Amino acid sequence: MPIIEVKLWAGLDDETVGRIIEKQTEAMCEAVGCPPEAVTVIVHQIPKNHFGVAGKQRSPKRDERP
């Protein structure tokens, strides 16, 4: 039973998340020959201020992209 985890910056709408889940499921089924019912896709949307570099928290106000 494949489990796919996708980590992206926060801000995607439900329609986009749905497309990601659909396409990831299709790709996994093609790659390993399993039915779609066997695939679980988990989408994590990470707030842009929930990460840091060099010991410093990044801020979405300071930079739009990490």
PDB file of N, CA and C in Angstrom:
ATOM      1  N   MET A   1       0.828  -1.180   0.000  1.00  0.00           N
ATOM      2  CA  MET A   1       0.000   0.000   0.000  1.00  0.00           C
ATOM      3  C   MET A   1       0.882   1.256   0.000  1.00  0.00           C
ATOM      4  N   PRO A   2       1.084   1.884  -1.133  1.00  0.00           N
ATOM      5  CA  PRO A   2       1.936   3.075  -1.200  1.00  0.00           C
ATOM      6  C   PRO A   2       1.349   4.251  -0.428  1.00  0.00           C
ATOM      7  N   ILE A   3       2.239   4.971   0.251  1.00  0.00           N
ATOM      8  CA  ILE A   3       1.888   6.224   0.904  1.00  0.00           C
ATOM      9  C   ILE A   3       2.802   7.299   0.328  1.00  0.00           C
ATOM     10  N   ILE A   4       2.203   8.352  -0.191  1.00  0.00           N
ATOM     11  CA  ILE A   4       2.954   9.453  -0.786  1.00  0.00           C
ATOM     12  C   ILE A   4       2.741  10.673   0.091  1.00  0.00           C
ATOM     13  N   GLU A   5       3.829  11.327   0.491  1.00  0.00           N
ATOM     14  CA  GLU A   5       3.734  12.581   1.228  1.00  0.00           C
ATOM     15  C   GLU A   5       4.272  13.702   0.352  1.00  0.00           C
ATOM     16  N   VAL A   6       3.484  14.753   0.205  1.00  0.00           N
ATOM     17  CA  VAL A   6       3.858  15.912  -0.593  1.00  0.00           C
ATOM     18  C   VAL A   6       3.942  17.099   0.361  1.00  0.00           C
ATOM     19  N   LYS A   7       5.081  17.786   0.357  1.00  0.00           N
ATOM     20  CA  LYS A   7       5.259  18.962   1.216  1.00  0.00           C
ATOM     21  C   LYS A   7       5.433  20.184   0.330  1.00  0.00           C
ATOM     22  N   LEU A   8       4.544  21.157   0.539  1.00  0.00           N
ATOM     23  CA  LEU A   8       4.533  22.379  -0.266  1.00  0.00           C
ATOM     24  C   LEU A   8       4.321  23.575   0.640  1.00  0.00           C
ATOM     25  N   TRP A   9       4.680  24.755   0.147  1.00  0.00           N
ATOM     26  CA  TRP A   9       4.385  25.968   0.907  1.00  0.00           C
ATOM     27  C   TRP A   9       2.880  26.185   0.946  1.00  0.00           C
ATOM     28  N   ALA A  10       2.395  26.698   2.052  1.00  0.00           N
ATOM     29  CA  ALA A  10       0.967  26.918   2.271  1.00  0.00           C
ATOM     30  C   ALA A  10       0.402  27.906   1.249  1.00  0.00           C
ATOM     31  N   GLY A  11      -0.897  27.756   1.001  1.00  0.00           N
ATOM     32  CA  GLY A  11      -1.580  28.707   0.138  1.00  0.00           C
ATOM     33  C   GLY A  11      -2.301  28.082  -1.037  1.00  0.00           C
ATOM     34  N   LEU A  12      -2.218  26.767  -1.178  1.00  0.00           N
ATOM     35  CA  LEU A  12      -2.905  26.113  -2.291  1.00  0.00           C
ATOM     36  C   LEU A  12      -4.387  25.955  -1.979  1.00  0.00           C
ATOM     37  N   ASP A  13      -5.215  26.136  -2.993  1.00  0.00           N
ATOM     38  CA  ASP A  13      -6.648  25.941  -2.773  1.00  0.00           C
ATOM     39  C   ASP A  13      -6.993  24.459  -2.889  1.00  0.00           C
ATOM     40  N   ASP A  14      -8.205  24.116  -2.462  1.00  0.00           N
ATOM     41  CA  ASP A  14      -8.626  22.716  -2.443  1.00  0.00           C
ATOM     42  C   ASP A  14      -8.610  22.074  -3.830  1.00  0.00           C
ATOM     43  N   GLU A  15      -8.930  22.844  -4.854  1.00  0.00           N
ATOM     44  CA  GLU A  15      -8.927  22.303  -6.220  1.00  0.00           C
ATOM     45  C   GLU A  15      -7.515  21.882  -6.628  1.00  0.00           C
ATOM     46  N   THR A  16      -6.539  22.692  -6.315  1.00  0.00           N
ATOM     47  CA  THR A  16      -5.150  22.378  -6.649  1.00  0.00           C
ATOM     48  C   THR A  16      -4.668  21.160  -5.863  1.00  0.00           C
ATOM     49  N   VAL A  17      -4.994  21.103  -4.582  1.00  0.00           N
ATOM     50  CA  VAL A  17      -4.614  19.946  -3.768  1.00  0.00           C
ATOM     51  C   VAL A  17      -5.251  18.680  -4.350  1.00  0.00           C
ATOM     52  N   GLY A  18      -6.495  18.772  -4.779  1.00  0.00           N
ATOM     53  CA  GLY A  18      -7.164  17.626  -5.394  1.00  0.00           C
ATOM     54  C   GLY A  18      -6.452  17.146  -6.646  1.00  0.00           C
ATOM     55  N   ARG A  19      -5.982  18.089  -7.479  1.00  0.00           N
ATOM     56  CA  ARG A  19      -5.241  17.705  -8.692  1.00  0.00           C
ATOM     57  C   ARG A  19      -3.922  17.035  -8.338  1.00  0.00           C
ATOM     58  N   ILE A  20      -3.247  17.540  -7.323  1.00  0.00           N
ATOM     59  CA  ILE A  20      -1.995  16.930  -6.883  1.00  0.00           C
ATOM     60  C   ILE A  20      -2.248  15.493  -6.449  1.00  0.00           C
ATOM     61  N   ILE A  21      -3.282  15.285  -5.646  1.00  0.00           N
ATOM     62  CA  ILE A  21      -3.609  13.934  -5.178  1.00  0.00           C
ATOM     63  C   ILE A  21      -3.930  13.023  -6.353  1.00  0.00           C
ATOM     64  N   GLU A  22      -4.707  13.510  -7.292  1.00  0.00           N
ATOM     65  CA  GLU A  22      -5.082  12.711  -8.463  1.00  0.00           C
ATOM     66  C   GLU A  22      -3.857  12.310  -9.284  1.00  0.00           C
ATOM     67  N   LYS A  23      -2.994  13.276  -9.579  1.00  0.00           N
ATOM     68  CA  LYS A  23      -1.827  13.005 -10.425  1.00  0.00           C
ATOM     69  C   LYS A  23      -0.795  12.117  -9.722  1.00  0.00           C
ATOM     70  N   GLN A  24      -0.596  12.325  -8.429  1.00  0.00           N
ATOM     71  CA  GLN A  24       0.337  11.478  -7.689  1.00  0.00           C
ATOM     72  C   GLN A  24      -0.168  10.035  -7.644  1.00  0.00           C
ATOM     73  N   THR A  25      -1.466   9.874  -7.461  1.00  0.00           N
ATOM     74  CA  THR A  25      -2.063   8.534  -7.445  1.00  0.00           C
ATOM     75  C   THR A  25      -1.884   7.854  -8.797  1.00  0.00           C
ATOM     76  N   GLU A  26      -2.179   8.578  -9.877  1.00  0.00           N
ATOM     77  CA  GLU A  26      -2.017   8.011 -11.218  1.00  0.00           C
ATOM     78  C   GLU A  26      -0.573   7.578 -11.462  1.00  0.00           C
ATOM     79  N   ALA A  27       0.385   8.419 -11.075  1.00  0.00           N
ATOM     80  CA  ALA A  27       1.795   8.098 -11.304  1.00  0.00           C
ATOM     81  C   ALA A  27       2.221   6.860 -10.521  1.00  0.00           C
ATOM     82  N   MET A  28       1.780   6.757  -9.275  1.00  0.00           N
ATOM     83  CA  MET A  28       2.155   5.601  -8.456  1.00  0.00           C
ATOM     84  C   MET A  28       1.548   4.323  -9.022  1.00  0.00           C
ATOM     85  N   CYS A  29       0.289   4.383  -9.423  1.00  0.00           N
ATOM     86  CA  CYS A  29      -0.366   3.197  -9.984  1.00  0.00           C
ATOM     87  C   CYS A  29       0.352   2.728 -11.242  1.00  0.00           C
ATOM     88  N   GLU A  30       0.752   3.676 -12.069  1.00  0.00           N
ATOM     89  CA  GLU A  30       1.484   3.322 -13.286  1.00  0.00           C
ATOM     90  C   GLU A  30       2.848   2.733 -12.946  1.00  0.00           C
ATOM     91  N   ALA A  31       3.529   3.300 -11.959  1.00  0.00           N
ATOM     92  CA  ALA A  31       4.885   2.863 -11.619  1.00  0.00           C
ATOM     93  C   ALA A  31       4.920   1.478 -10.976  1.00  0.00           C
ATOM     94  N   VAL A  32       3.950   1.180 -10.096  1.00  0.00           N
ATOM     95  CA  VAL A  32       4.021  -0.080  -9.356  1.00  0.00           C
ATOM     96  C   VAL A  32       2.895  -1.049  -9.683  1.00  0.00           C
ATOM     97  N   GLY A  33       1.958  -0.622 -10.525  1.00  0.00           N
ATOM     98  CA  GLY A  33       0.900  -1.525 -10.952  1.00  0.00           C
ATOM     99  C   GLY A  33      -0.146  -1.832  -9.892  1.00  0.00           C
ATOM    100  N   CYS A  34      -0.427  -0.866  -9.032  1.00  0.00           N
ATOM    101  CA  CYS A  34      -1.438  -1.091  -7.990  1.00  0.00           C
ATOM    102  C   CYS A  34      -2.732  -0.353  -8.349  1.00  0.00           C
ATOM    103  N   PRO A  35      -3.839  -0.724  -7.730  1.00  0.00           N
ATOM    104  CA  PRO A  35      -5.087  -0.010  -7.960  1.00  0.00           C
ATOM    105  C   PRO A  35      -5.086   1.321  -7.195  1.00  0.00           C
ATOM    106  N   PRO A  36      -5.827   2.304  -7.666  1.00  0.00           N
ATOM    107  CA  PRO A  36      -5.886   3.598  -6.977  1.00  0.00           C
ATOM    108  C   PRO A  36      -6.315   3.484  -5.510  1.00  0.00           C
ATOM    109  N   GLU A  37      -7.148   2.508  -5.216  1.00  0.00           N
ATOM    110  CA  GLU A  37      -7.630   2.330  -3.841  1.00  0.00           C
ATOM    111  C   GLU A  37      -6.505   1.977  -2.863  1.00  0.00           C
ATOM    112  N   ALA A  38      -5.382   1.530  -3.400  1.00  0.00           N
ATOM    113  CA  ALA A  38      -4.254   1.139  -2.559  1.00  0.00           C
ATOM    114  C   ALA A  38      -3.333   2.310  -2.215  1.00  0.00           C
ATOM    115  N   VAL A  39      -3.546   3.464  -2.853  1.00  0.00           N
ATOM    116  CA  VAL A  39      -2.637   4.599  -2.709  1.00  0.00           C
ATOM    117  C   VAL A  39      -3.221   5.633  -1.745  1.00  0.00           C
ATOM    118  N   THR A  40      -2.396   6.069  -0.803  1.00  0.00           N
ATOM    119  CA  THR A  40      -2.750   7.173   0.089  1.00  0.00           C
ATOM    120  C   THR A  40      -1.816   8.332  -0.211  1.00  0.00           C
ATOM    121  N   VAL A  41      -2.379   9.524  -0.392  1.00  0.00           N
ATOM    122  CA  VAL A  41      -1.584  10.723  -0.626  1.00  0.00           C
ATOM    123  C   VAL A  41      -1.872  11.712   0.505  1.00  0.00           C
ATOM    124  N   ILE A  42      -0.816  12.186   1.132  1.00  0.00           N
ATOM    125  CA  ILE A  42      -0.934  13.162   2.212  1.00  0.00           C
ATOM    126  C   ILE A  42      -0.259  14.452   1.745  1.00  0.00           C
ATOM    127  N   VAL A  43      -1.005  15.555   1.757  1.00  0.00           N
ATOM    128  CA  VAL A  43      -0.459  16.845   1.337  1.00  0.00           C
ATOM    129  C   VAL A  43      -0.278  17.714   2.576  1.00  0.00           C
ATOM    130  N   HIS A  44       0.961  18.093   2.827  1.00  0.00           N
ATOM    131  CA  HIS A  44       1.289  18.985   3.940  1.00  0.00           C
ATOM    132  C   HIS A  44       1.524  20.376   3.361  1.00  0.00           C
ATOM    133  N   GLN A  45       0.771  21.363   3.853  1.00  0.00           N
ATOM    134  CA  GLN A  45       1.019  22.748   3.457  1.00  0.00           C
ATOM    135  C   GLN A  45       1.732  23.439   4.616  1.00  0.00           C
ATOM    136  N   ILE A  46       2.953  23.846   4.361  1.00  0.00           N
ATOM    137  CA  ILE A  46       3.823  24.391   5.401  1.00  0.00           C
ATOM    138  C   ILE A  46       3.794  25.916   5.341  1.00  0.00           C
ATOM    139  N   PRO A  47       3.434  26.570   6.443  1.00  0.00           N
ATOM    140  CA  PRO A  47       3.499  28.031   6.466  1.00  0.00           C
ATOM    141  C   PRO A  47       4.931  28.499   6.206  1.00  0.00           C
ATOM    142  N   LYS A  48       5.072  29.579   5.461  1.00  0.00           N
ATOM    143  CA  LYS A  48       6.405  30.031   5.069  1.00  0.00           C
ATOM    144  C   LYS A  48       7.248  30.510   6.242  1.00  0.00           C
ATOM    145  N   ASN A  49       6.633  30.768   7.380  1.00  0.00           N
ATOM    146  CA  ASN A  49       7.424  31.186   8.536  1.00  0.00           C
ATOM    147  C   ASN A  49       7.707  30.012   9.475  1.00  0.00           C
ATOM    148  N   HIS A  50       7.427  28.787   9.043  1.00  0.00           N
ATOM    149  CA  HIS A  50       7.673  27.597   9.858  1.00  0.00           C
ATOM    150  C   HIS A  50       8.927  26.856   9.418  1.00  0.00           C
ATOM    151  N   PHE A  51       9.933  27.585   8.999  1.00  0.00           N
ATOM    152  CA  PHE A  51      11.212  26.958   8.690  1.00  0.00           C
ATOM    153  C   PHE A  51      12.308  27.989   8.923  1.00  0.00           C
ATOM    154  N   GLY A  52      13.513  27.521   9.010  1.00  0.00           N
ATOM    155  CA  GLY A  52      14.629  28.421   9.220  1.00  0.00           C
ATOM    156  C   GLY A  52      15.859  27.958   8.472  1.00  0.00           C
ATOM    157  N   VAL A  53      16.787  28.881   8.308  1.00  0.00           N
ATOM    158  CA  VAL A  53      18.067  28.607   7.659  1.00  0.00           C
ATOM    159  C   VAL A  53      19.154  29.215   8.534  1.00  0.00           C
ATOM    160  N   ALA A  54      20.204  28.463   8.768  1.00  0.00           N
ATOM    161  CA  ALA A  54      21.357  28.926   9.554  1.00  0.00           C
ATOM    162  C   ALA A  54      20.933  29.388  10.944  1.00  0.00           C
ATOM    163  N   GLY A  55      19.961  28.682  11.521  1.00  0.00           N
ATOM    164  CA  GLY A  55      19.535  28.997  12.877  1.00  0.00           C
ATOM    165  C   GLY A  55      18.595  30.174  12.993  1.00  0.00           C
ATOM    166  N   LYS A  56      18.157  30.734  11.870  1.00  0.00           N
ATOM    167  CA  LYS A  56      17.271  31.897  11.876  1.00  0.00           C
ATOM    168  C   LYS A  56      15.940  31.547  11.218  1.00  0.00           C
ATOM    169  N   GLN A  57      14.855  31.921  11.901  1.00  0.00           N
ATOM    170  CA  GLN A  57      13.530  31.701  11.314  1.00  0.00           C
ATOM    171  C   GLN A  57      13.365  32.607  10.104  1.00  0.00           C
ATOM    172  N   ARG A  58      12.836  32.028   9.032  1.00  0.00           N
ATOM    173  CA  ARG A  58      12.562  32.813   7.837  1.00  0.00           C
ATOM    174  C   ARG A  58      11.197  33.449   7.968  1.00  0.00           C
ATOM    175  N   SER A  59      11.008  34.559   7.346  1.00  0.00           N
ATOM    176  CA  SER A  59       9.749  35.281   7.420  1.00  0.00           C
ATOM    177  C   SER A  59       9.210  35.512   6.022  1.00  0.00           C
ATOM    178  N   PRO A  60       7.913  35.224   5.791  1.00  0.00           N
ATOM    179  CA  PRO A  60       7.352  35.484   4.460  1.00  0.00           C
ATOM    180  C   PRO A  60       7.334  36.961   4.126  1.00  0.00           C
ATOM    181  N   LYS A  61       7.393  37.829   5.128  1.00  0.00           N
ATOM    182  CA  LYS A  61       7.447  39.272   4.863  1.00  0.00           C
ATOM    183  C   LYS A  61       8.816  39.680   4.315  1.00  0.00           C
ATOM    184  N   ARG A  62       9.845  38.958   4.780  1.00  0.00           N
ATOM    185  CA  ARG A  62      11.216  39.278   4.366  1.00  0.00           C
ATOM    186  C   ARG A  62      11.506  38.760   2.969  1.00  0.00           C
ATOM    187  N   ASP A  63      11.008  37.571   2.660  1.00  0.00           N
ATOM    188  CA  ASP A  63      11.227  37.012   1.341  1.00  0.00           C
ATOM    189  C   ASP A  63      10.026  36.145   0.971  1.00  0.00           C
ATOM    190  N   GLU A  64       9.579  36.300  -0.222  1.00  0.00           N
ATOM    191  CA  GLU A  64       8.411  35.559  -0.695  1.00  0.00           C
ATOM    192  C   GLU A  64       8.705  34.088  -0.871  1.00  0.00           C
ATOM    193  N   ARG A  65       9.921  33.747  -1.277  1.00  0.00           N
ATOM    194  CA  ARG A  65      10.282  32.343  -1.501  1.00  0.00           C
ATOM    195  C   ARG A  65      11.483  31.997  -0.652  1.00  0.00           C
ATOM    196  N   PRO A  66      11.487  30.794  -0.133  1.00  0.00           N
ATOM    197  CA  PRO A  66      12.640  30.355   0.651  1.00  0.00           C
ATOM    198  C   PRO A  66      13.864  30.147  -0.223  1.00  0.00           C
TER     199      PRO A  66
END
